[in-house]
Amino acid sequence: MTPHAVATAVQYDLPAIWVILNNYAIGCIRDLQRFYLDGREIGTSFRKDKTGELWNPDFAKMAESMGARGVRIEKPADFAPAYEEALKSNMATVFDVIINRDTPVPLTSTWQMPPIPAADPTFGKKKVR
């Protein structure tokens, strides 16, 4: 959500690594909508207007345009060696990792949106402060 941080890392020669879990959506909001609205969503999936095709910017190329390394990962087996290479490169690197868009992110907490009741975590215990 703040891509200019990549340019700042390049400017100051910081070897930061970003991992974008790319499900072609604003996933946390989409998953909340699906949870609370019987599987429905609105305005959270990125699609081309005319075709309905899933769409997102090419985050790896965006990173390269700012002077960082950009790596697109489409298979889980490709991640570990690419990450090791990023560590060795000592350069700012962005991973654009394509993930299954229908696997919800584990729910560890949620927002309070009265009158909607808060969801229980999908793992762990609810902690009340």
N, C-alpha and C. Protein backbone atom coordinates (compact mmCIF):
# COMPACT_ATOMS: atom_id res chain seq x y z
N MET A 1 0.82 -1.19 0.00
CA MET A 1 0.00 0.00 0.00
C MET A 1 0.86 1.26 0.00
N THR A 2 2.16 1.10 0.18
CA THR A 2 3.06 2.25 0.15
C THR A 2 4.27 1.91 -0.71
N PRO A 3 4.08 1.84 -2.02
CA PRO A 3 5.19 1.40 -2.90
C PRO A 3 6.39 2.34 -2.89
N HIS A 4 6.19 3.59 -2.50
CA HIS A 4 7.31 4.52 -2.48
C HIS A 4 8.38 4.08 -1.47
N ALA A 5 8.04 3.21 -0.52
CA ALA A 5 9.03 2.70 0.43
C ALA A 5 10.12 1.92 -0.31
N VAL A 6 9.76 1.30 -1.42
CA VAL A 6 10.77 0.57 -2.21
C VAL A 6 11.79 1.56 -2.77
N ALA A 7 11.32 2.66 -3.30
CA ALA A 7 12.24 3.67 -3.84
C ALA A 7 13.14 4.22 -2.73
N THR A 8 12.59 4.39 -1.54
CA THR A 8 13.39 4.88 -0.42
C THR A 8 14.48 3.87 -0.05
N ALA A 9 14.14 2.58 -0.05
CA ALA A 9 15.13 1.55 0.25
C ALA A 9 16.25 1.57 -0.78
N VAL A 10 15.90 1.75 -2.04
CA VAL A 10 16.92 1.83 -3.10
C VAL A 10 17.78 3.07 -2.89
N GLN A 11 17.15 4.18 -2.59
CA GLN A 11 17.87 5.44 -2.39
C GLN A 11 18.92 5.32 -1.29
N TYR A 12 18.58 4.64 -0.21
CA TYR A 12 19.49 4.52 0.94
C TYR A 12 20.23 3.18 0.98
N ASP A 13 20.14 2.41 -0.11
CA ASP A 13 20.85 1.14 -0.23
C ASP A 13 20.50 0.18 0.91
N LEU A 14 19.21 0.07 1.20
CA LEU A 14 18.73 -0.82 2.25
C LEU A 14 18.27 -2.14 1.64
N PRO A 15 18.76 -3.27 2.12
CA PRO A 15 18.40 -4.56 1.53
C PRO A 15 17.07 -5.12 2.04
N ALA A 16 16.05 -4.31 2.04
CA ALA A 16 14.72 -4.74 2.52
C ALA A 16 14.11 -5.73 1.54
N ILE A 17 13.29 -6.63 2.07
CA ILE A 17 12.58 -7.59 1.24
C ILE A 17 11.10 -7.49 1.56
N TRP A 18 10.28 -7.34 0.51
CA TRP A 18 8.83 -7.31 0.64
C TRP A 18 8.26 -8.55 -0.03
N VAL A 19 7.25 -9.14 0.60
CA VAL A 19 6.54 -10.28 0.01
C VAL A 19 5.08 -9.88 -0.12
N ILE A 20 4.64 -9.72 -1.36
CA ILE A 20 3.25 -9.37 -1.64
C ILE A 20 2.48 -10.66 -1.90
N LEU A 21 1.48 -10.93 -1.07
CA LEU A 21 0.63 -12.10 -1.28
C LEU A 21 -0.48 -11.65 -2.23
N ASN A 22 -0.29 -11.92 -3.49
CA ASN A 22 -1.12 -11.37 -4.56
C ASN A 22 -2.29 -12.31 -4.87
N ASN A 23 -3.48 -11.91 -4.39
CA ASN A 23 -4.68 -12.69 -4.70
C ASN A 23 -5.66 -11.86 -5.54
N TYR A 24 -5.12 -10.83 -6.19
CA TYR A 24 -5.93 -9.98 -7.07
C TYR A 24 -7.11 -9.36 -6.34
N ALA A 25 -6.89 -9.00 -5.08
CA ALA A 25 -7.97 -8.42 -4.28
C ALA A 25 -7.39 -7.64 -3.11
N ILE A 26 -8.22 -6.84 -2.48
CA ILE A 26 -7.90 -6.33 -1.16
C ILE A 26 -8.43 -7.41 -0.23
N GLY A 27 -7.59 -8.42 -0.03
CA GLY A 27 -8.02 -9.68 0.56
C GLY A 27 -8.61 -9.59 1.95
N CYS A 28 -8.03 -8.79 2.84
CA CYS A 28 -8.55 -8.75 4.21
C CYS A 28 -9.96 -8.18 4.22
N ILE A 29 -10.22 -7.18 3.41
CA ILE A 29 -11.56 -6.59 3.35
C ILE A 29 -12.52 -7.54 2.64
N ARG A 30 -12.05 -8.12 1.55
CA ARG A 30 -12.90 -9.07 0.81
C ARG A 30 -13.31 -10.23 1.70
N ASP A 31 -12.36 -10.77 2.49
CA ASP A 31 -12.68 -11.90 3.36
C ASP A 31 -13.66 -11.51 4.45
N LEU A 32 -13.52 -10.30 4.99
CA LEU A 32 -14.51 -9.83 5.98
C LEU A 32 -15.89 -9.71 5.34
N GLN A 33 -15.94 -9.16 4.12
CA GLN A 33 -17.23 -9.05 3.43
C GLN A 33 -17.83 -10.44 3.22
N ARG A 34 -17.02 -11.37 2.75
CA ARG A 34 -17.54 -12.72 2.50
C ARG A 34 -18.04 -13.36 3.80
N PHE A 35 -17.32 -13.13 4.90
CA PHE A 35 -17.70 -13.71 6.19
C PHE A 35 -19.02 -13.15 6.67
N TYR A 36 -19.15 -11.83 6.64
CA TYR A 36 -20.33 -11.18 7.21
C TYR A 36 -21.50 -11.08 6.23
N LEU A 37 -21.26 -11.22 4.93
CA LEU A 37 -22.31 -10.99 3.94
C LEU A 37 -22.64 -12.26 3.13
N ASP A 38 -22.60 -13.40 3.79
CA ASP A 38 -22.99 -14.67 3.17
C ASP A 38 -22.24 -14.96 1.87
N GLY A 39 -20.92 -14.73 1.87
CA GLY A 39 -20.10 -15.06 0.71
C GLY A 39 -20.04 -13.99 -0.36
N ARG A 40 -20.75 -12.88 -0.16
CA ARG A 40 -20.76 -11.81 -1.16
C ARG A 40 -19.62 -10.83 -0.91
N GLU A 41 -19.25 -10.09 -1.95
CA GLU A 41 -18.23 -9.05 -1.85
C GLU A 41 -18.58 -7.93 -2.81
N ILE A 42 -18.03 -6.77 -2.56
CA ILE A 42 -18.22 -5.66 -3.48
C ILE A 42 -16.98 -4.77 -3.47
N GLY A 43 -16.46 -4.49 -4.65
CA GLY A 43 -15.39 -3.53 -4.81
C GLY A 43 -14.04 -3.93 -4.25
N THR A 44 -13.81 -5.22 -4.00
CA THR A 44 -12.54 -5.61 -3.41
C THR A 44 -11.71 -6.53 -4.31
N SER A 45 -12.27 -7.03 -5.38
CA SER A 45 -11.51 -7.84 -6.34
C SER A 45 -11.13 -6.96 -7.54
N PHE A 46 -9.93 -7.13 -8.03
CA PHE A 46 -9.45 -6.32 -9.14
C PHE A 46 -9.67 -7.06 -10.45
N ARG A 47 -10.53 -6.51 -11.30
CA ARG A 47 -10.87 -7.12 -12.59
C ARG A 47 -10.90 -6.04 -13.66
N LYS A 48 -10.61 -6.46 -14.89
CA LYS A 48 -10.76 -5.55 -16.02
C LYS A 48 -12.25 -5.35 -16.25
N ASP A 49 -12.64 -4.12 -16.41
CA ASP A 49 -14.06 -3.78 -16.51
C ASP A 49 -14.75 -4.46 -17.68
N LYS A 50 -14.13 -4.46 -18.84
CA LYS A 50 -14.79 -5.00 -20.04
C LYS A 50 -14.86 -6.52 -20.07
N THR A 51 -13.82 -7.20 -19.53
CA THR A 51 -13.75 -8.64 -19.68
C THR A 51 -14.02 -9.42 -18.39
N GLY A 52 -13.89 -8.76 -17.24
CA GLY A 52 -14.04 -9.46 -15.96
C GLY A 52 -12.79 -10.23 -15.57
N GLU A 53 -11.76 -10.18 -16.41
CA GLU A 53 -10.50 -10.89 -16.15
C GLU A 53 -9.81 -10.30 -14.92
N LEU A 54 -9.26 -11.19 -14.06
CA LEU A 54 -8.52 -10.71 -12.90
C LEU A 54 -7.35 -9.86 -13.38
N TRP A 55 -7.08 -8.80 -12.64
CA TRP A 55 -6.03 -7.88 -13.06
C TRP A 55 -5.38 -7.25 -11.83
N ASN A 56 -4.10 -7.01 -11.92
CA ASN A 56 -3.32 -6.28 -10.93
C ASN A 56 -2.13 -5.68 -11.64
N PRO A 57 -1.53 -4.64 -11.09
CA PRO A 57 -0.26 -4.20 -11.65
C PRO A 57 0.78 -5.31 -11.52
N ASP A 58 1.82 -5.24 -12.31
CA ASP A 58 2.93 -6.18 -12.19
C ASP A 58 3.87 -5.60 -11.13
N PHE A 59 3.72 -6.09 -9.90
CA PHE A 59 4.47 -5.53 -8.79
C PHE A 59 5.98 -5.75 -8.91
N ALA A 60 6.40 -6.84 -9.55
CA ALA A 60 7.82 -7.08 -9.77
C ALA A 60 8.40 -6.02 -10.70
N LYS A 61 7.68 -5.70 -11.76
CA LYS A 61 8.14 -4.66 -12.68
C LYS A 61 8.10 -3.27 -12.03
N MET A 62 7.13 -3.04 -11.15
CA MET A 62 7.10 -1.77 -10.43
C MET A 62 8.37 -1.63 -9.59
N ALA A 63 8.76 -2.71 -8.93
CA ALA A 63 9.97 -2.68 -8.11
C ALA A 63 11.19 -2.38 -8.98
N GLU A 64 11.26 -3.03 -10.13
CA GLU A 64 12.39 -2.81 -11.05
C GLU A 64 12.41 -1.36 -11.54
N SER A 65 11.24 -0.77 -11.74
CA SER A 65 11.20 0.62 -12.21
C SER A 65 11.75 1.58 -11.16
N MET A 66 11.80 1.13 -9.91
CA MET A 66 12.34 1.97 -8.83
C MET A 66 13.78 1.60 -8.49
N GLY A 67 14.37 0.67 -9.24
CA GLY A 67 15.76 0.29 -9.01
C GLY A 67 15.95 -0.91 -8.12
N ALA A 68 14.87 -1.54 -7.68
CA ALA A 68 14.96 -2.73 -6.83
C ALA A 68 14.89 -3.99 -7.70
N ARG A 69 15.12 -5.11 -7.06
CA ARG A 69 14.90 -6.39 -7.73
C ARG A 69 13.42 -6.71 -7.62
N GLY A 70 12.83 -7.24 -8.69
CA GLY A 70 11.44 -7.66 -8.68
C GLY A 70 11.36 -9.11 -9.12
N VAL A 71 10.67 -9.94 -8.34
CA VAL A 71 10.58 -11.37 -8.65
C VAL A 71 9.12 -11.78 -8.55
N ARG A 72 8.61 -12.40 -9.60
CA ARG A 72 7.25 -12.93 -9.59
C ARG A 72 7.33 -14.43 -9.30
N ILE A 73 6.57 -14.88 -8.31
CA ILE A 73 6.56 -16.29 -7.90
C ILE A 73 5.16 -16.84 -8.18
N GLU A 74 5.10 -17.91 -8.96
CA GLU A 74 3.81 -18.52 -9.28
C GLU A 74 3.67 -19.94 -8.73
N LYS A 75 4.80 -20.56 -8.33
CA LYS A 75 4.76 -21.91 -7.77
C LYS A 75 5.43 -21.88 -6.39
N PRO A 76 4.81 -22.51 -5.38
CA PRO A 76 5.38 -22.49 -4.04
C PRO A 76 6.84 -22.96 -3.98
N ALA A 77 7.20 -23.93 -4.79
CA ALA A 77 8.56 -24.47 -4.76
C ALA A 77 9.61 -23.45 -5.19
N ASP A 78 9.18 -22.41 -5.89
CA ASP A 78 10.13 -21.39 -6.37
C ASP A 78 10.47 -20.35 -5.31
N PHE A 79 9.69 -20.31 -4.22
CA PHE A 79 9.87 -19.23 -3.26
C PHE A 79 11.19 -19.33 -2.47
N ALA A 80 11.47 -20.48 -1.87
CA ALA A 80 12.66 -20.61 -1.01
C ALA A 80 13.96 -20.26 -1.74
N PRO A 81 14.22 -20.83 -2.93
CA PRO A 81 15.47 -20.46 -3.60
C PRO A 81 15.52 -18.99 -4.00
N ALA A 82 14.38 -18.43 -4.37
CA ALA A 82 14.36 -17.00 -4.74
C ALA A 82 14.62 -16.13 -3.52
N TYR A 83 14.11 -16.54 -2.37
CA TYR A 83 14.32 -15.77 -1.14
C TYR A 83 15.79 -15.84 -0.73
N GLU A 84 16.38 -17.01 -0.83
CA GLU A 84 17.81 -17.14 -0.52
C GLU A 84 18.64 -16.24 -1.43
N GLU A 85 18.29 -16.21 -2.69
CA GLU A 85 18.99 -15.35 -3.64
C GLU A 85 18.83 -13.88 -3.28
N ALA A 86 17.64 -13.50 -2.84
CA ALA A 86 17.40 -12.11 -2.43
C ALA A 86 18.26 -11.74 -1.23
N LEU A 87 18.37 -12.64 -0.27
CA LEU A 87 19.22 -12.37 0.89
C LEU A 87 20.67 -12.17 0.48
N LYS A 88 21.14 -13.01 -0.43
CA LYS A 88 22.54 -12.91 -0.89
C LYS A 88 22.79 -11.66 -1.73
N SER A 89 21.75 -11.16 -2.40
CA SER A 89 21.93 -10.02 -3.30
C SER A 89 22.22 -8.72 -2.56
N ASN A 90 21.77 -8.66 -1.31
CA ASN A 90 21.97 -7.46 -0.51
C ASN A 90 21.31 -6.23 -1.16
N MET A 91 20.21 -6.47 -1.89
CA MET A 91 19.48 -5.40 -2.58
C MET A 91 18.02 -5.41 -2.14
N ALA A 92 17.39 -4.27 -2.25
CA ALA A 92 15.94 -4.21 -2.03
C ALA A 92 15.26 -5.13 -3.05
N THR A 93 14.35 -5.96 -2.56
CA THR A 93 13.69 -6.94 -3.42
C THR A 93 12.21 -7.01 -3.09
N VAL A 94 11.40 -7.09 -4.13
CA VAL A 94 9.95 -7.27 -3.97
C VAL A 94 9.56 -8.59 -4.62
N PHE A 95 8.87 -9.43 -3.85
CA PHE A 95 8.33 -10.68 -4.37
C PHE A 95 6.84 -10.48 -4.63
N ASP A 96 6.42 -10.72 -5.84
CA ASP A 96 5.01 -10.70 -6.23
C ASP A 96 4.57 -12.16 -6.27
N VAL A 97 4.02 -12.64 -5.15
CA VAL A 97 3.69 -14.06 -4.99
C VAL A 97 2.21 -14.27 -5.29
N ILE A 98 1.93 -14.98 -6.36
CA ILE A 98 0.55 -15.27 -6.74
C ILE A 98 0.04 -16.38 -5.84
N ILE A 99 -1.07 -16.10 -5.12
CA ILE A 99 -1.62 -17.09 -4.21
C ILE A 99 -3.05 -17.43 -4.62
N ASN A 100 -3.56 -18.51 -4.08
CA ASN A 100 -4.93 -18.93 -4.33
C ASN A 100 -5.87 -17.89 -3.73
N ARG A 101 -6.67 -17.27 -4.55
CA ARG A 101 -7.51 -16.18 -4.08
C ARG A 101 -8.71 -16.65 -3.27
N ASP A 102 -9.00 -17.94 -3.29
CA ASP A 102 -10.17 -18.45 -2.57
C ASP A 102 -9.81 -19.05 -1.21
N THR A 103 -8.53 -19.06 -0.85
CA THR A 103 -8.12 -19.52 0.47
C THR A 103 -8.10 -18.30 1.38
N PRO A 104 -8.99 -18.25 2.36
CA PRO A 104 -9.01 -17.07 3.22
C PRO A 104 -7.77 -17.00 4.10
N VAL A 105 -7.37 -15.78 4.42
CA VAL A 105 -6.27 -15.57 5.33
C VAL A 105 -6.74 -15.98 6.72
N PRO A 106 -5.91 -16.69 7.51
CA PRO A 106 -6.34 -17.09 8.86
C PRO A 106 -6.77 -15.87 9.68
N LEU A 107 -7.87 -15.99 10.35
CA LEU A 107 -8.43 -14.90 11.13
C LEU A 107 -7.87 -14.96 12.55
N THR A 108 -7.04 -14.00 12.91
CA THR A 108 -6.48 -13.95 14.27
C THR A 108 -7.18 -12.88 15.10
N SER A 109 -7.79 -11.94 14.44
CA SER A 109 -8.55 -10.90 15.13
C SER A 109 -9.50 -10.29 14.10
N THR A 110 -10.32 -9.39 14.54
CA THR A 110 -11.23 -8.74 13.62
C THR A 110 -11.55 -7.34 14.12
N TRP A 111 -12.24 -6.61 13.32
CA TRP A 111 -12.64 -5.26 13.69
C TRP A 111 -13.97 -5.31 14.43
N GLN A 112 -14.18 -4.33 15.28
CA GLN A 112 -15.48 -4.22 15.93
C GLN A 112 -16.34 -3.30 15.07
N MET A 113 -17.43 -3.87 14.54
CA MET A 113 -18.32 -3.11 13.65
C MET A 113 -19.76 -3.28 14.11
N PRO A 114 -20.12 -2.73 15.28
CA PRO A 114 -21.49 -2.89 15.76
C PRO A 114 -22.48 -2.42 14.70
N PRO A 115 -23.58 -3.09 14.53
CA PRO A 115 -24.13 -4.15 15.36
C PRO A 115 -23.68 -5.55 14.94
N ILE A 116 -22.72 -5.67 14.04
CA ILE A 116 -22.25 -6.98 13.60
C ILE A 116 -21.40 -7.59 14.70
N PRO A 117 -21.70 -8.83 15.10
CA PRO A 117 -20.90 -9.45 16.16
C PRO A 117 -19.49 -9.76 15.67
N ALA A 118 -18.52 -9.64 16.56
CA ALA A 118 -17.13 -9.93 16.21
C ALA A 118 -16.96 -11.41 15.92
N ALA A 119 -16.12 -11.74 14.94
CA ALA A 119 -15.85 -13.13 14.59
C ALA A 119 -14.84 -13.73 15.57
N ASP A 120 -14.95 -15.02 15.81
CA ASP A 120 -13.95 -15.72 16.61
C ASP A 120 -12.75 -16.03 15.73
N PRO A 121 -11.56 -16.11 16.33
CA PRO A 121 -10.37 -16.44 15.53
C PRO A 121 -10.48 -17.85 14.95
N THR A 122 -9.86 -18.07 13.79
CA THR A 122 -9.87 -19.41 13.19
C THR A 122 -8.81 -20.30 13.82
N PHE A 123 -7.89 -19.72 14.57
CA PHE A 123 -6.97 -20.51 15.39
C PHE A 123 -6.57 -19.65 16.59
N GLY A 124 -6.11 -20.28 17.65
CA GLY A 124 -5.76 -19.55 18.85
C GLY A 124 -7.00 -19.27 19.70
N LYS A 125 -6.82 -18.48 20.73
CA LYS A 125 -7.91 -18.17 21.64
C LYS A 125 -8.24 -16.69 21.58
N LYS A 126 -9.47 -16.36 21.84
CA LYS A 126 -9.92 -14.97 21.89
C LYS A 126 -9.35 -14.33 23.17
N LYS A 127 -8.75 -13.17 23.01
CA LYS A 127 -8.18 -12.47 24.15
C LYS A 127 -8.95 -11.17 24.35
N VAL A 128 -9.51 -11.01 25.52
CA VAL A 128 -10.28 -9.81 25.83
C VAL A 128 -9.43 -8.95 26.76
N ARG A 129 -9.31 -7.68 26.40
CA ARG A 129 -8.53 -6.77 27.25
C ARG A 129 -9.43 -5.89 28.02
